[in-house]
Amino acid sequence: PESFPPLRNEAAVRVLRGRMKGIQGHCNSCYMDAALFSLFSCTSVLDSMLFMPFPLCDRNVQGILRDEIVNPLRRTGFVRASSVMHLREQLTDKGQCSSFTNAEKDPEEFLNLIMQQILGIEPLLKLQSGGQKEHDCYCYQIFMDKQEDLVVPDVQQLVERSFLSSDLKLVEIPSCFIIQMPRFGKEYKMFSKIIPSLELDITDLLLDSPRECCLCGDVAALECS
């Protein structure tokens, strides 16, 4: 199949900036548009979703995702709403929910459906909470209480504080770390802006990872939250 590499640096700015760029919204598709743009426009980490013949893979859905959405986005910077609707119709046929074509969904619901049930991809994250049994997932949604000292936070701060408040650890370094930002309804947003962290330091988020003592500089024996 024809393929186009993800957009980088000056090419990304040239192709993606301006009017009639990005993924055209239609009928509550914003959650899916934003997720697809984030996953594929400027990174190849999940390109296996477009090409790999996974054991449970639905090749029709894979073809729509690759040929009607990702390739046009990378080639011209624009995807028509009809292409996304074609994908939504297929998800409605394959999934357990009949409202993928008209209702707004949680991005996690969309990712779980397409990655697990339709393509059969192994979970991307292994998490452990409070020393309990580990669990697998495809993305991590940030949950946290309002904190007055965070006015315009960056992603690094939000991930660290969310893991701390939920007593979570990453069991292993993930091959891909999909993070869903905190969000609320139209009337209230926890943060008006969030600064993207271009790199994410997960050293303190890893379970049993050797870390430096903040006092003496040797390998730490105890961890204080």
C-alpha atoms as a PDB file:
ATOM      1  CA  PRO A   1       0.000   0.000   0.000  1.00  0.00           C
ATOM      2  CA  GLU A   2       1.051   3.587  -0.641  1.00  0.00           C
ATOM      3  CA  SER A   3       2.406   5.319   2.429  1.00  0.00           C
ATOM      4  CA  PHE A   4       3.554   8.790   3.398  1.00  0.00           C
ATOM      5  CA  PRO A   5       5.949   9.578   6.245  1.00  0.00           C
ATOM      6  CA  PRO A   6       4.808  11.745   9.172  1.00  0.00           C
ATOM      7  CA  LEU A   7       5.316  15.480   8.830  1.00  0.00           C
ATOM      8  CA  ARG A   8       8.311  16.999  10.614  1.00  0.00           C
ATOM      9  CA  ASN A   9       9.712  20.470  11.325  1.00  0.00           C
ATOM     10  CA  GLU A  10       9.267  22.998   8.478  1.00  0.00           C
ATOM     11  CA  ALA A  11       7.260  20.519   6.415  1.00  0.00           C
ATOM     12  CA  ALA A  12       4.729  20.129   9.226  1.00  0.00           C
ATOM     13  CA  VAL A  13       4.261  23.888   9.472  1.00  0.00           C
ATOM     14  CA  ARG A  14       3.979  24.301   5.694  1.00  0.00           C
ATOM     15  CA  VAL A  15       1.478  21.480   5.182  1.00  0.00           C
ATOM     16  CA  LEU A  16      -0.656  21.759   8.339  1.00  0.00           C
ATOM     17  CA  ARG A  17      -0.962  25.510   8.981  1.00  0.00           C
ATOM     18  CA  GLY A  18      -3.759  27.658   7.590  1.00  0.00           C
ATOM     19  CA  ARG A  19      -7.423  27.477   6.631  1.00  0.00           C
ATOM     20  CA  MET A  20      -8.916  24.164   5.478  1.00  0.00           C
ATOM     21  CA  LYS A  21      -6.167  22.224   7.191  1.00  0.00           C
ATOM     22  CA  GLY A  22      -6.376  19.333   9.640  1.00  0.00           C
ATOM     23  CA  ILE A  23      -9.362  16.981   9.936  1.00  0.00           C
ATOM     24  CA  GLN A  24     -12.748  18.466   9.059  1.00  0.00           C
ATOM     25  CA  GLY A  25     -15.246  18.225  11.904  1.00  0.00           C
ATOM     26  CA  HIS A  26     -18.815  17.006  11.442  1.00  0.00           C
ATOM     27  CA  CYS A  27     -21.570  15.745  13.725  1.00  0.00           C
ATOM     28  CA  ASN A  28     -19.674  15.566  17.045  1.00  0.00           C
ATOM     29  CA  SER A  29     -16.515  14.086  15.531  1.00  0.00           C
ATOM     30  CA  CYS A  30     -14.119  16.372  17.469  1.00  0.00           C
ATOM     31  CA  TYR A  31     -12.971  13.654  19.901  1.00  0.00           C
ATOM     32  CA  MET A  32     -11.999  11.363  17.024  1.00  0.00           C
ATOM     33  CA  ASP A  33     -10.511  14.127  14.870  1.00  0.00           C
ATOM     34  CA  ALA A  34      -8.226  15.287  17.676  1.00  0.00           C
ATOM     35  CA  ALA A  35      -7.173  11.730  18.553  1.00  0.00           C
ATOM     36  CA  LEU A  36      -6.365  10.769  14.956  1.00  0.00           C
ATOM     37  CA  PHE A  37      -4.457  13.998  14.336  1.00  0.00           C
ATOM     38  CA  SER A  38      -2.387  13.482  17.497  1.00  0.00           C
ATOM     39  CA  LEU A  39      -1.619   9.834  16.765  1.00  0.00           C
ATOM     40  CA  PHE A  40      -0.592  10.128  13.125  1.00  0.00           C
ATOM     41  CA  SER A  41       0.123  13.617  11.753  1.00  0.00           C
ATOM     42  CA  CYS A  42       3.671  14.067  13.041  1.00  0.00           C
ATOM     43  CA  THR A  43       4.747  10.707  14.466  1.00  0.00           C
ATOM     44  CA  SER A  44       5.216   7.176  13.136  1.00  0.00           C
ATOM     45  CA  VAL A  45       5.109   5.436  16.549  1.00  0.00           C
ATOM     46  CA  LEU A  46       1.719   3.839  15.797  1.00  0.00           C
ATOM     47  CA  ASP A  47       2.166   3.246  12.059  1.00  0.00           C
ATOM     48  CA  SER A  48       1.963  -0.484  12.750  1.00  0.00           C
ATOM     49  CA  MET A  49      -1.792   0.148  13.077  1.00  0.00           C
ATOM     50  CA  LEU A  50      -1.807   1.015   9.368  1.00  0.00           C
ATOM     51  CA  PHE A  51       0.172  -1.922   7.973  1.00  0.00           C
ATOM     52  CA  MET A  52       0.640  -4.837  10.380  1.00  0.00           C
ATOM     53  CA  PRO A  53      -1.583  -7.911   9.807  1.00  0.00           C
ATOM     54  CA  PHE A  54      -2.493  -8.346  13.482  1.00  0.00           C
ATOM     55  CA  PRO A  55      -4.278 -11.628  14.379  1.00  0.00           C
ATOM     56  CA  LEU A  56      -7.691  -9.985  14.845  1.00  0.00           C
ATOM     57  CA  CYS A  57      -7.113  -7.221  12.328  1.00  0.00           C
ATOM     58  CA  ASP A  58     -10.056  -5.946  10.272  1.00  0.00           C
ATOM     59  CA  ARG A  59      -8.303  -5.077   6.995  1.00  0.00           C
ATOM     60  CA  ASN A  60     -11.209  -2.940   5.771  1.00  0.00           C
ATOM     61  CA  VAL A  61     -11.029  -0.602   8.765  1.00  0.00           C
ATOM     62  CA  GLN A  62      -7.241  -0.602   8.556  1.00  0.00           C
ATOM     63  CA  GLY A  63      -7.442   0.410   4.875  1.00  0.00           C
ATOM     64  CA  ILE A  64      -9.865   3.281   5.589  1.00  0.00           C
ATOM     65  CA  LEU A  65      -7.656   4.538   8.391  1.00  0.00           C
ATOM     66  CA  ARG A  66      -4.531   4.403   6.221  1.00  0.00           C
ATOM     67  CA  ASP A  67      -5.801   5.441   2.772  1.00  0.00           C
ATOM     68  CA  GLU A  68      -8.642   7.846   3.571  1.00  0.00           C
ATOM     69  CA  ILE A  69      -7.349   9.563   6.721  1.00  0.00           C
ATOM     70  CA  VAL A  70      -3.631   9.229   7.519  1.00  0.00           C
ATOM     71  CA  ASN A  71      -2.196   9.415   3.994  1.00  0.00           C
ATOM     72  CA  PRO A  72      -4.274  12.465   2.945  1.00  0.00           C
ATOM     73  CA  LEU A  73      -3.429  14.180   6.249  1.00  0.00           C
ATOM     74  CA  ARG A  74       0.297  13.672   5.710  1.00  0.00           C
ATOM     75  CA  ARG A  75       0.171  14.391   1.982  1.00  0.00           C
ATOM     76  CA  THR A  76      -2.037  17.504   1.815  1.00  0.00           C
ATOM     77  CA  GLY A  77      -2.714  18.402   5.452  1.00  0.00           C
ATOM     78  CA  PHE A  78      -6.468  18.001   5.047  1.00  0.00           C
ATOM     79  CA  VAL A  79      -8.983  15.175   5.634  1.00  0.00           C
ATOM     80  CA  ARG A  80     -12.623  15.478   4.588  1.00  0.00           C
ATOM     81  CA  ALA A  81     -15.375  14.830   7.120  1.00  0.00           C
ATOM     82  CA  SER A  82     -16.792  12.158   4.790  1.00  0.00           C
ATOM     83  CA  SER A  83     -13.635  10.072   5.260  1.00  0.00           C
ATOM     84  CA  VAL A  84     -13.953  10.192   9.042  1.00  0.00           C
ATOM     85  CA  MET A  85     -17.658   9.374   8.738  1.00  0.00           C
ATOM     86  CA  HIS A  86     -16.748   6.302   6.656  1.00  0.00           C
ATOM     87  CA  LEU A  87     -14.538   5.152   9.553  1.00  0.00           C
ATOM     88  CA  ARG A  88     -17.265   5.963  12.098  1.00  0.00           C
ATOM     89  CA  GLU A  89     -19.789   3.889  10.145  1.00  0.00           C
ATOM     90  CA  GLN A  90     -17.426   0.929  10.173  1.00  0.00           C
ATOM     91  CA  LEU A  91     -16.817   1.323  13.912  1.00  0.00           C
ATOM     92  CA  THR A  92     -20.567   1.360  14.485  1.00  0.00           C
ATOM     93  CA  ASP A  93     -20.918  -1.890  12.506  1.00  0.00           C
ATOM     94  CA  LYS A  94     -18.039  -3.606  14.339  1.00  0.00           C
ATOM     95  CA  GLY A  95     -18.546  -2.262  17.853  1.00  0.00           C
ATOM     96  CA  GLN A  96     -21.103  -2.673  20.566  1.00  0.00           C
ATOM     97  CA  CYS A  97     -22.327   0.931  20.296  1.00  0.00           C
ATOM     98  CA  SER A  98     -24.708   2.278  17.658  1.00  0.00           C
ATOM     99  CA  SER A  99     -23.959   5.981  18.174  1.00  0.00           C
ATOM    100  CA  PHE A 100     -20.423   6.361  16.812  1.00  0.00           C
ATOM    101  CA  THR A 101     -21.786   8.226  13.784  1.00  0.00           C
ATOM    102  CA  ASN A 102     -23.620  10.981  15.633  1.00  0.00           C
ATOM    103  CA  ALA A 103     -22.682  11.262  19.326  1.00  0.00           C
ATOM    104  CA  GLU A 104     -19.612  12.631  21.082  1.00  0.00           C
ATOM    105  CA  LYS A 105     -17.583   9.900  22.764  1.00  0.00           C
ATOM    106  CA  ASP A 106     -14.683   9.706  25.146  1.00  0.00           C
ATOM    107  CA  PRO A 107     -11.441   9.320  23.142  1.00  0.00           C
ATOM    108  CA  GLU A 108     -10.534   6.334  25.327  1.00  0.00           C
ATOM    109  CA  GLU A 109     -13.660   4.497  24.159  1.00  0.00           C
ATOM    110  CA  PHE A 110     -12.652   5.093  20.533  1.00  0.00           C
ATOM    111  CA  LEU A 111      -9.044   3.989  21.114  1.00  0.00           C
ATOM    112  CA  ASN A 112     -10.052   0.848  22.987  1.00  0.00           C
ATOM    113  CA  LEU A 113     -12.468  -0.156  20.244  1.00  0.00           C
ATOM    114  CA  ILE A 114     -10.140   0.364  17.298  1.00  0.00           C
ATOM    115  CA  MET A 115      -6.947  -0.917  18.962  1.00  0.00           C
ATOM    116  CA  GLN A 116      -8.311  -3.868  20.921  1.00  0.00           C
ATOM    117  CA  GLN A 117     -11.432  -5.133  19.197  1.00  0.00           C
ATOM    118  CA  ILE A 118     -10.786  -4.161  15.571  1.00  0.00           C
ATOM    119  CA  LEU A 119      -7.011  -4.331  15.123  1.00  0.00           C
ATOM    120  CA  GLY A 120      -6.108  -6.641  18.011  1.00  0.00           C
ATOM    121  CA  ILE A 121      -3.101  -4.649  19.228  1.00  0.00           C
ATOM    122  CA  GLU A 122      -1.502  -5.568  22.548  1.00  0.00           C
ATOM    123  CA  PRO A 123      -2.041  -2.959  25.314  1.00  0.00           C
ATOM    124  CA  LEU A 124       0.548  -0.176  25.261  1.00  0.00           C
ATOM    125  CA  LEU A 125       0.711   0.539  29.004  1.00  0.00           C
ATOM    126  CA  LYS A 126       1.194  -1.565  32.137  1.00  0.00           C
ATOM    127  CA  LEU A 127       0.207   0.276  35.324  1.00  0.00           C
ATOM    128  CA  GLN A 128       0.229  -0.648  38.988  1.00  0.00           C
ATOM    129  CA  SER A 129      -1.777   1.149  41.651  1.00  0.00           C
ATOM    130  CA  GLY A 130      -0.819   1.078  45.329  1.00  0.00           C
ATOM    131  CA  GLY A 131       1.202  -2.120  45.013  1.00  0.00           C
ATOM    132  CA  GLN A 132      -1.834  -4.030  43.761  1.00  0.00           C
ATOM    133  CA  LYS A 133      -2.056  -6.260  40.694  1.00  0.00           C
ATOM    134  CA  GLU A 134      -0.928  -4.565  37.483  1.00  0.00           C
ATOM    135  CA  HIS A 135      -3.418  -3.747  34.757  1.00  0.00           C
ATOM    136  CA  ASP A 136      -3.051  -3.066  31.037  1.00  0.00           C
ATOM    137  CA  CYS A 137      -4.499  -0.195  29.028  1.00  0.00           C
ATOM    138  CA  TYR A 138      -4.066   1.681  25.757  1.00  0.00           C
ATOM    139  CA  CYS A 139      -3.984   5.246  27.046  1.00  0.00           C
ATOM    140  CA  TYR A 140      -3.805   7.170  30.299  1.00  0.00           C
ATOM    141  CA  GLN A 141      -6.322   9.856  31.218  1.00  0.00           C
ATOM    142  CA  ILE A 142      -5.143  12.512  33.664  1.00  0.00           C
ATOM    143  CA  PHE A 143      -7.345  12.787  36.749  1.00  0.00           C
ATOM    144  CA  MET A 144      -6.551  15.330  39.431  1.00  0.00           C
ATOM    145  CA  ASP A 145      -8.115  17.855  41.763  1.00  0.00           C
ATOM    146  CA  LYS A 146      -7.900  21.559  41.075  1.00  0.00           C
ATOM    147  CA  GLN A 147      -4.552  22.900  42.307  1.00  0.00           C
ATOM    148  CA  GLU A 148      -4.208  26.650  42.760  1.00  0.00           C
ATOM    149  CA  ASP A 149      -0.456  26.711  42.107  1.00  0.00           C
ATOM    150  CA  LEU A 150      -0.979  25.316  38.608  1.00  0.00           C
ATOM    151  CA  VAL A 151      -2.288  28.129  36.404  1.00  0.00           C
ATOM    152  CA  VAL A 152      -0.735  27.227  33.055  1.00  0.00           C
ATOM    153  CA  PRO A 153       0.795  23.774  33.623  1.00  0.00           C
ATOM    154  CA  ASP A 154       2.837  21.678  31.238  1.00  0.00           C
ATOM    155  CA  VAL A 155       2.179  18.015  30.483  1.00  0.00           C
ATOM    156  CA  GLN A 156       5.125  16.882  32.649  1.00  0.00           C
ATOM    157  CA  GLN A 157       3.598  18.511  35.739  1.00  0.00           C
ATOM    158  CA  LEU A 158       0.130  17.109  35.068  1.00  0.00           C
ATOM    159  CA  VAL A 159       1.326  13.539  34.527  1.00  0.00           C
ATOM    160  CA  GLU A 160       3.515  13.557  37.647  1.00  0.00           C
ATOM    161  CA  ARG A 161       0.807  14.992  39.899  1.00  0.00           C
ATOM    162  CA  SER A 162      -1.857  12.701  38.479  1.00  0.00           C
ATOM    163  CA  PHE A 163       0.299   9.607  39.078  1.00  0.00           C
ATOM    164  CA  LEU A 164       1.047  10.822  42.590  1.00  0.00           C
ATOM    165  CA  SER A 165      -2.577  11.493  43.526  1.00  0.00           C
ATOM    166  CA  SER A 166      -3.664   8.085  42.156  1.00  0.00           C
ATOM    167  CA  ASP A 167      -0.658   6.219  43.636  1.00  0.00           C
ATOM    168  CA  LEU A 168       0.244   4.866  40.200  1.00  0.00           C
ATOM    169  CA  LYS A 169       3.472   3.531  38.718  1.00  0.00           C
ATOM    170  CA  LEU A 170       4.468   2.414  35.232  1.00  0.00           C
ATOM    171  CA  VAL A 171       5.491  -1.248  35.431  1.00  0.00           C
ATOM    172  CA  GLU A 172       7.759  -0.856  32.394  1.00  0.00           C
ATOM    173  CA  ILE A 173       8.830   1.790  29.892  1.00  0.00           C
ATOM    174  CA  PRO A 174       5.960   2.021  27.370  1.00  0.00           C
ATOM    175  CA  SER A 175       6.595   1.781  23.647  1.00  0.00           C
ATOM    176  CA  CYS A 176       3.996   4.517  23.229  1.00  0.00           C
ATOM    177  CA  PHE A 177       2.528   6.715  25.960  1.00  0.00           C
ATOM    178  CA  ILE A 178      -0.856   8.156  24.925  1.00  0.00           C
ATOM    179  CA  ILE A 179      -2.014  10.744  27.459  1.00  0.00           C
ATOM    180  CA  GLN A 180      -5.479  12.273  27.560  1.00  0.00           C
ATOM    181  CA  MET A 181      -5.513  15.765  29.056  1.00  0.00           C
ATOM    182  CA  PRO A 182      -7.948  16.704  31.848  1.00  0.00           C
ATOM    183  CA  ARG A 183     -11.180  18.083  30.399  1.00  0.00           C
ATOM    184  CA  PHE A 184     -14.591  19.164  31.547  1.00  0.00           C
ATOM    185  CA  GLY A 185     -17.822  20.398  30.002  1.00  0.00           C
ATOM    186  CA  LYS A 186     -18.444  23.580  28.054  1.00  0.00           C
ATOM    187  CA  GLU A 187     -19.079  25.629  31.187  1.00  0.00           C
ATOM    188  CA  TYR A 188     -15.866  24.826  33.060  1.00  0.00           C
ATOM    189  CA  LYS A 189     -12.315  23.986  32.097  1.00  0.00           C
ATOM    190  CA  MET A 190      -9.768  23.078  34.768  1.00  0.00           C
ATOM    191  CA  PHE A 191      -7.012  24.794  32.753  1.00  0.00           C
ATOM    192  CA  SER A 192      -7.468  27.383  30.045  1.00  0.00           C
ATOM    193  CA  LYS A 193      -4.148  26.335  28.503  1.00  0.00           C
ATOM    194  CA  ILE A 194      -1.731  23.403  28.821  1.00  0.00           C
ATOM    195  CA  ILE A 195       1.828  23.700  27.528  1.00  0.00           C
ATOM    196  CA  PRO A 196       2.972  20.614  25.578  1.00  0.00           C
ATOM    197  CA  SER A 197       6.125  19.043  27.032  1.00  0.00           C
ATOM    198  CA  LEU A 198       8.289  18.162  24.039  1.00  0.00           C
ATOM    199  CA  GLU A 199      10.024  15.517  26.148  1.00  0.00           C
ATOM    200  CA  LEU A 200       8.581  13.548  29.051  1.00  0.00           C
ATOM    201  CA  ASP A 201      10.782  12.374  31.932  1.00  0.00           C
ATOM    202  CA  ILE A 202       9.186   9.209  33.365  1.00  0.00           C
ATOM    203  CA  THR A 203      12.079   8.304  35.702  1.00  0.00           C
ATOM    204  CA  ASP A 204      10.061   8.897  38.868  1.00  0.00           C
ATOM    205  CA  LEU A 205       6.976   7.230  37.411  1.00  0.00           C
ATOM    206  CA  LEU A 206       8.633   3.848  36.863  1.00  0.00           C
ATOM    207  CA  LEU A 207       8.141   1.022  39.326  1.00  0.00           C
ATOM    208  CA  ASP A 208      11.385  -0.148  41.023  1.00  0.00           C
ATOM    209  CA  SER A 209      13.520   2.126  38.872  1.00  0.00           C
ATOM    210  CA  PRO A 210      16.873   3.027  40.495  1.00  0.00           C
ATOM    211  CA  ARG A 211      16.888   6.710  41.397  1.00  0.00           C
ATOM    212  CA  GLU A 212      19.304   9.127  42.972  1.00  0.00           C
ATOM    213  CA  CYS A 213      19.037  10.111  46.631  1.00  0.00           C
ATOM    214  CA  CYS A 214      18.275  13.832  46.805  1.00  0.00           C
ATOM    215  CA  LEU A 215      20.538  14.186  49.871  1.00  0.00           C
ATOM    216  CA  CYS A 216      23.700  12.169  49.230  1.00  0.00           C
ATOM    217  CA  GLY A 217      23.543  11.359  45.519  1.00  0.00           C
ATOM    218  CA  ASP A 218      23.835   7.573  45.966  1.00  0.00           C
ATOM    219  CA  VAL A 219      21.201   5.122  44.789  1.00  0.00           C
ATOM    220  CA  ALA A 220      18.085   5.817  46.841  1.00  0.00           C
ATOM    221  CA  ALA A 221      16.775   3.156  49.219  1.00  0.00           C
ATOM    222  CA  LEU A 222      13.508   4.886  50.154  1.00  0.00           C
ATOM    223  CA  GLU A 223      10.993   6.903  48.213  1.00  0.00           C
ATOM    224  CA  CYS A 224       8.968   9.739  49.732  1.00  0.00           C
ATOM    225  CA  SER A 225       5.931  10.762  47.761  1.00  0.00           C
END
